[in-house]
Protein backbone atom coordinates (compact mmCIF):
# COMPACT_ATOMS: atom_id res chain seq x y z
CA MET A 1 -48.36 23.43 46.76
CA GLY A 2 -45.11 23.44 44.84
CA PRO A 3 -41.64 24.67 45.72
CA VAL A 4 -40.33 28.03 46.81
CA LEU A 5 -38.12 29.60 44.16
CA VAL A 6 -35.17 31.57 45.54
CA VAL A 7 -33.43 33.91 43.11
CA THR A 8 -30.11 35.27 44.37
CA ASN A 9 -26.35 35.16 43.93
CA LEU A 10 -24.12 32.44 45.30
CA ASP A 11 -22.86 34.47 48.29
CA ASP A 12 -26.02 35.40 50.22
CA PRO A 13 -25.92 34.38 53.92
CA THR A 14 -29.43 35.75 54.54
CA THR A 15 -30.86 33.41 51.94
CA ASP A 16 -28.87 30.49 53.35
CA LEU A 17 -30.61 30.93 56.71
CA VAL A 18 -34.07 31.10 55.17
CA ILE A 19 -33.47 28.05 52.99
CA GLY A 20 -32.21 26.13 56.02
CA GLU A 21 -35.41 26.99 57.88
CA LEU A 22 -37.57 25.92 54.93
CA HIS A 23 -35.68 22.65 54.55
CA GLY A 24 -36.24 21.97 58.24
CA ARG A 25 -39.96 22.33 57.66
CA GLY A 26 -39.93 20.00 54.66
CA VAL A 27 -40.76 22.81 52.21
CA PRO A 28 -39.16 22.16 48.79
CA VAL A 29 -36.83 24.92 47.55
CA VAL A 30 -35.30 25.58 44.14
CA ARG A 31 -32.48 28.10 44.27
CA PHE A 32 -30.84 29.68 41.25
CA ASP A 33 -29.03 32.78 40.09
CA SER A 34 -30.15 34.47 36.89
CA GLY A 35 -26.45 34.76 36.07
CA ASP A 36 -26.45 30.95 35.67
CA PHE A 37 -28.59 31.28 32.54
CA PRO A 38 -28.17 29.65 30.09
CA THR A 39 -25.04 27.74 31.16
CA THR A 40 -26.53 25.67 34.00
CA LEU A 41 -30.08 27.04 34.10
CA SER A 42 -32.75 26.48 31.47
CA ILE A 43 -36.45 27.10 30.95
CA ALA A 44 -39.05 25.59 28.68
CA ALA A 45 -42.16 27.70 29.28
CA THR A 46 -45.59 27.58 27.66
CA ILE A 47 -48.18 30.35 27.66
CA THR A 48 -51.85 29.40 27.43
CA SER A 49 -55.18 30.68 28.69
CA ASP A 50 -54.26 29.08 32.02
CA GLY A 51 -51.12 31.21 32.25
CA ILE A 52 -47.47 30.24 32.40
CA GLY A 53 -46.60 26.54 32.40
CA GLY A 54 -43.57 24.42 31.65
CA VAL A 55 -40.41 23.75 33.62
CA LEU A 56 -37.33 25.45 35.00
CA THR A 57 -34.26 23.23 35.35
CA THR A 58 -31.11 23.66 37.46
CA PRO A 59 -28.27 21.12 37.83
CA THR A 60 -30.07 19.54 40.81
CA ARG A 61 -33.76 20.52 40.60
CA THR A 62 -36.68 20.77 38.20
CA ALA A 63 -39.62 23.04 38.98
CA ASP A 64 -43.11 23.02 37.47
CA LEU A 65 -43.71 26.68 36.65
CA SER A 66 -47.47 26.31 37.07
CA ARG A 67 -47.11 25.22 40.73
CA ILE A 68 -44.67 27.68 42.27
CA ARG A 69 -45.67 28.45 45.84
CA SER A 70 -43.66 31.68 46.23
CA LEU A 71 -40.62 33.42 44.79
CA TYR A 72 -38.03 35.05 47.05
CA TYR A 73 -36.22 37.61 44.91
CA ARG A 74 -33.03 38.74 46.59
CA ARG A 75 -29.91 39.87 44.79
CA PRO A 76 -29.19 37.86 41.65
CA SER A 77 -26.18 38.62 39.49
CA GLY A 78 -26.64 39.91 35.97
CA PHE A 79 -26.68 37.95 32.74
CA THR A 80 -23.26 37.48 31.13
CA PHE A 81 -22.34 36.20 27.69
CA SER A 82 -18.58 36.70 27.74
CA HIS A 83 -18.01 34.21 24.94
CA LEU A 84 -19.93 36.42 22.48
CA ASP A 85 -18.87 39.60 20.72
CA ASN A 86 -20.25 42.82 22.24
CA GLN A 87 -23.14 43.32 19.84
CA THR A 88 -24.31 39.70 20.02
CA ALA A 89 -23.90 39.71 23.82
CA ARG A 90 -26.11 42.79 24.12
CA PHE A 91 -28.77 41.05 22.07
CA ALA A 92 -28.49 37.86 24.15
CA VAL A 93 -28.72 39.77 27.45
CA THR A 94 -31.84 41.56 26.28
CA GLN A 95 -33.51 38.31 25.20
CA ALA A 96 -32.59 36.66 28.51
CA ARG A 97 -33.93 39.58 30.52
CA TYR A 98 -37.26 39.75 28.74
CA GLY A 99 -37.55 35.99 28.25
CA LEU A 100 -36.47 34.41 31.54
CA GLY A 101 -37.30 37.60 33.42
CA GLY A 102 -40.73 37.85 31.85
CA VAL A 103 -41.55 34.24 32.72
CA MET A 104 -40.37 34.60 36.33
CA ALA A 105 -42.47 37.78 36.71
CA SER A 106 -45.68 36.07 35.55
CA LEU A 107 -45.98 32.84 37.52
CA PRO A 108 -49.64 31.98 38.21
CA GLY A 109 -50.73 32.05 41.85
CA CYS A 110 -47.20 32.83 43.03
CA LEU A 111 -46.50 35.01 46.08
CA TYR A 112 -43.60 37.35 45.27
CA VAL A 113 -41.27 38.52 48.04
CA ASN A 114 -40.93 40.94 46.41
CA HIS A 115 -41.98 41.08 42.76
CA PRO A 116 -38.89 42.17 40.77
CA HIS A 117 -40.82 44.87 38.91
CA ARG A 118 -42.13 46.32 42.17
CA ILE A 119 -38.61 46.26 43.62
CA GLY A 120 -37.48 48.30 40.62
CA ASP A 121 -40.24 50.85 41.18
CA ALA A 122 -39.47 51.21 44.90
CA GLU A 123 -35.71 51.62 44.44
CA PHE A 124 -36.08 55.15 43.08
CA LYS A 125 -35.30 57.38 46.09
CA PRO A 126 -37.40 60.37 44.94
CA SER A 127 -40.38 58.05 44.42
CA GLY A 128 -39.88 56.53 47.86
CA LEU A 129 -39.64 59.89 49.61
CA ALA A 130 -42.71 61.21 47.80
CA ALA A 131 -44.65 58.08 48.72
CA ALA A 132 -43.46 58.29 52.34
CA ALA A 133 -44.67 61.88 52.65
CA ALA A 134 -48.01 60.99 51.05
CA CYS A 135 -48.43 58.06 53.45
CA GLY A 136 -47.93 60.25 56.51
CA PHE A 137 -44.25 59.83 57.39
CA ARG A 138 -42.14 62.79 58.43
CA ILE A 139 -39.35 63.30 55.87
CA PRO A 140 -36.36 65.69 56.00
CA PRO A 141 -36.34 68.64 53.56
CA THR A 142 -34.85 67.23 50.36
CA THR A 143 -33.78 68.42 46.93
CA VAL A 144 -32.70 66.51 43.84
CA THR A 145 -30.76 68.78 41.53
CA SER A 146 -28.07 69.13 38.88
CA ASP A 147 -27.88 72.92 39.40
CA PRO A 148 -24.89 74.07 41.53
CA ASP A 149 -26.66 77.31 42.45
CA ALA A 150 -29.75 75.42 43.59
CA ALA A 151 -27.58 73.10 45.69
CA ARG A 152 -25.82 76.05 47.36
CA ALA A 153 -29.15 77.76 48.02
CA PHE A 154 -30.52 74.61 49.62
CA ILE A 155 -27.51 74.30 51.90
CA LYS A 156 -27.75 77.96 52.92
CA ALA A 157 -31.45 77.57 53.67
CA HIS A 158 -31.14 74.39 55.74
CA GLY A 159 -27.74 74.68 57.42
CA SER A 160 -26.50 71.16 58.13
CA VAL A 161 -27.01 69.20 54.91
CA ILE A 162 -25.93 65.75 53.77
CA TYR A 163 -25.30 64.32 50.31
CA LYS A 164 -26.67 60.88 49.42
CA PRO A 165 -26.16 58.88 46.23
CA LEU A 166 -29.43 58.25 44.44
CA SER A 167 -28.31 54.69 43.87
CA THR A 168 -25.32 52.69 45.10
CA PRO A 169 -23.13 51.48 42.23
CA LEU A 170 -19.84 49.92 43.26
CA TYR A 171 -16.54 51.60 42.50
CA ARG A 172 -13.29 49.69 42.41
CA ILE A 173 -10.41 51.59 44.02
CA ASP A 174 -7.06 49.78 44.00
CA GLY A 175 -8.95 46.56 43.35
CA VAL A 176 -11.29 47.03 46.33
CA SER A 177 -15.07 47.43 45.88
CA CYS A 178 -16.30 50.66 47.48
CA THR A 179 -19.57 52.59 47.61
CA VAL A 180 -20.21 56.32 47.72
CA GLU A 181 -20.81 57.25 51.36
CA VAL A 182 -23.39 59.57 52.84
CA ARG A 183 -21.57 62.66 54.12
CA GLU A 184 -22.16 66.23 55.25
CA VAL A 185 -21.56 68.96 52.68
CA THR A 186 -21.12 72.73 52.77
CA THR A 187 -21.50 75.39 50.10
CA GLY A 188 -17.72 75.25 49.66
CA ASP A 189 -17.99 71.64 48.51
CA ILE A 190 -20.28 72.58 45.61
CA ASP A 191 -18.63 73.31 42.28
CA ASP A 192 -19.62 73.14 38.63
CA ALA A 193 -19.14 69.35 38.60
CA VAL A 194 -22.59 69.14 40.23
CA ALA A 195 -24.02 70.00 36.81
CA GLY A 196 -22.71 66.70 35.48
CA THR A 197 -25.58 64.56 36.85
CA ALA A 198 -28.39 64.43 39.41
CA HIS A 199 -27.63 64.64 43.14
CA LEU A 200 -29.70 64.27 46.30
CA PHE A 201 -29.20 66.72 49.18
CA GLN A 202 -31.11 66.46 52.44
CA GLN A 203 -31.24 68.37 55.69
CA ARG A 204 -29.32 66.48 58.36
CA ILE A 205 -31.48 65.32 61.25
CA ASP A 206 -30.01 66.05 64.69
CA LYS A 207 -30.45 62.45 65.71
CA THR A 208 -29.88 60.45 68.86
CA GLY A 209 -30.05 57.12 67.06
CA ASP A 210 -31.48 55.18 64.15
CA VAL A 211 -34.24 52.59 63.85
CA ARG A 212 -34.45 49.76 61.35
CA VAL A 213 -38.04 48.60 60.90
CA THR A 214 -38.28 45.30 59.03
CA VAL A 215 -41.72 44.36 57.76
CA ILE A 216 -42.10 40.70 56.77
CA GLY A 217 -45.67 40.06 55.67
CA LYS A 218 -47.84 41.09 58.61
CA GLN A 219 -45.00 41.02 61.14
CA VAL A 220 -43.13 44.19 62.10
CA PHE A 221 -39.74 44.18 63.85
CA CYS A 222 -38.33 47.44 65.24
CA VAL A 223 -34.66 47.63 66.25
CA ARG A 224 -32.94 50.77 67.51
CA ILE A 225 -29.32 51.14 66.32
CA ASP A 226 -27.10 53.37 68.47
CA SER A 227 -23.74 54.73 67.33
CA ASP A 228 -21.99 58.04 66.78
CA LEU A 229 -22.00 57.54 63.01
CA LEU A 230 -23.72 59.65 60.38
CA ASP A 231 -24.33 56.46 58.38
CA TRP A 232 -24.40 53.39 60.63
CA ARG A 233 -23.77 51.07 57.68
CA THR A 234 -20.15 52.23 57.44
CA ASP A 235 -18.95 50.38 60.59
CA TYR A 236 -21.04 47.53 62.01
CA LEU A 237 -18.54 46.94 64.83
CA ARG A 238 -19.52 50.23 66.48
CA LEU A 239 -23.25 49.50 66.58
CA ARG A 240 -25.43 48.65 69.57
CA TYR A 241 -28.89 47.18 69.19
CA ARG A 242 -32.10 47.00 71.20
CA VAL A 243 -35.68 46.12 70.40
CA VAL A 244 -38.00 49.12 70.71
CA ARG A 245 -41.71 49.83 70.59
CA PRO A 246 -42.75 51.92 67.59
CA PRO A 247 -44.42 55.28 68.22
CA PRO A 248 -48.22 55.51 67.94
CA GLY A 249 -49.56 55.72 64.42
CA ILE A 250 -46.58 54.12 62.65
CA PHE A 251 -48.29 50.94 61.46
CA GLU A 252 -50.78 52.66 59.16
CA PRO A 253 -48.15 54.53 57.08
CA LEU A 254 -45.95 51.42 56.98
CA SER A 255 -48.82 49.43 55.52
CA ALA A 256 -49.82 52.27 53.18
CA TYR A 257 -46.26 52.59 51.87
CA LEU A 258 -45.94 48.88 51.12
CA ASP A 259 -49.39 48.80 49.53
CA ARG A 260 -48.45 51.76 47.33
CA PHE A 261 -45.56 49.81 45.82
CA ARG A 262 -47.32 46.42 46.16
CA LEU A 263 -44.60 45.02 48.41
CA VAL A 264 -44.86 42.39 51.17
CA PHE A 265 -41.38 43.02 52.57
CA GLY A 266 -39.54 46.24 53.33
CA ALA A 267 -36.50 47.35 55.34
CA PHE A 268 -37.31 50.87 56.57
CA ASP A 269 -34.70 53.23 58.01
CA PHE A 270 -35.60 56.07 60.37
CA ALA A 271 -33.57 58.69 62.22
CA VAL A 272 -34.76 59.51 65.75
CA ASP A 273 -34.36 63.15 66.74
CA ARG A 274 -33.86 64.63 70.22
CA GLN A 275 -37.62 64.97 70.69
CA GLY A 276 -38.08 61.25 69.96
CA GLN A 277 -39.68 61.84 66.56
CA TRP A 278 -39.02 59.34 63.78
CA TRP A 279 -37.89 60.70 60.40
CA PHE A 280 -38.24 58.48 57.33
CA LEU A 281 -34.97 58.08 55.43
CA GLU A 282 -35.67 55.23 53.01
CA CYS A 283 -37.18 51.80 52.48
CA ASN A 284 -35.08 49.13 50.81
CA PRO A 285 -37.37 46.56 49.11
CA SER A 286 -34.59 43.95 49.13
CA GLY A 287 -32.61 45.07 52.19
CA GLN A 288 -30.53 42.98 54.57
CA TRP A 289 -32.09 41.96 57.86
CA ALA A 290 -30.86 38.56 59.09
CA TRP A 291 -27.87 39.98 61.01
CA LEU A 292 -30.34 41.55 63.45
CA GLU A 293 -31.71 38.22 64.69
CA PRO A 294 -28.63 37.08 66.67
CA GLU A 295 -28.23 40.62 68.02
CA THR A 296 -31.81 40.84 69.31
CA GLY A 297 -33.35 37.36 69.44
CA LEU A 298 -36.19 38.44 67.14
CA PRO A 299 -37.62 35.48 65.15
CA MET A 300 -37.08 37.08 61.76
CA VAL A 301 -35.87 34.01 59.85
CA ALA A 302 -38.94 32.09 60.99
CA ALA A 303 -41.15 35.01 59.95
CA MET A 304 -39.69 35.03 56.45
CA ALA A 305 -40.04 31.25 56.18
CA ASP A 306 -43.69 31.55 57.31
CA LEU A 307 -44.32 34.09 54.57
CA LEU A 308 -42.65 32.05 51.84
CA GLU A 309 -44.29 28.83 53.01
CA ARG A 310 -47.59 30.73 52.88
CA LYS A 311 -48.32 29.46 56.33
CA THR A 312 -51.63 30.52 57.80
CA GLY A 313 -52.82 30.72 61.37
């Protein structure tokens, strides 16, 4: 079998750990960032009745596109053509996306972790919540609206309500990259600006803690995260971790959810209420996970390397 392709940006400590594990096993790896194209990354692909062939070339590696073992798609940067005028750059970006992107999405016999198109499908929060409910998870009452009156009515009906961004674009404030935080809202916070775009509001779960469930192939790792935070991702220094057993009946909906989006990896977040019930919040198809291994001792890096190596037994 051929190499593992790893597609991510330069600063990705999670990927560094996985690549180190694969190198230790003697598994060949070709790492690149789509943002390197076409400056230091090139392709020469052929399409025949046998599928995609040809080569991908980086400054240090060459990969036979017909023999790729697996592709680990993490968080690559976007295409940039800063030397071109705006109109030509838009054209070049589009050709790169559908050319290089189309080739990478069609490699014969390749295991995708995860396939970039499936990641795109699963990143839509309304789609994820609908799928979670259909698969048997318990989800908080939720509305997606651009109507201020509908938002106020939802808050009145459900009492304690939180606002969540539907996606997480970065803002730059005084030169610092920031994200829009999850926070509690009241009817007094709702004004006509809500009509400007779509918003997600959700009943707040009276939780005692959170659980991150990381599914890597057939392996499932459950870690409880305790803090006094509404959103634990806002301050990692205040978090406490422990490995927990999942409640009965959780494995079937986990598998059903991943199958629905054709994923082999998922980072699931749950809130645990005072009765011990788990409430589905979201599943990130390219979420972070490696920081949990030193906190818990769980063999997560090895599990990801097993999956990418396509190790059996």
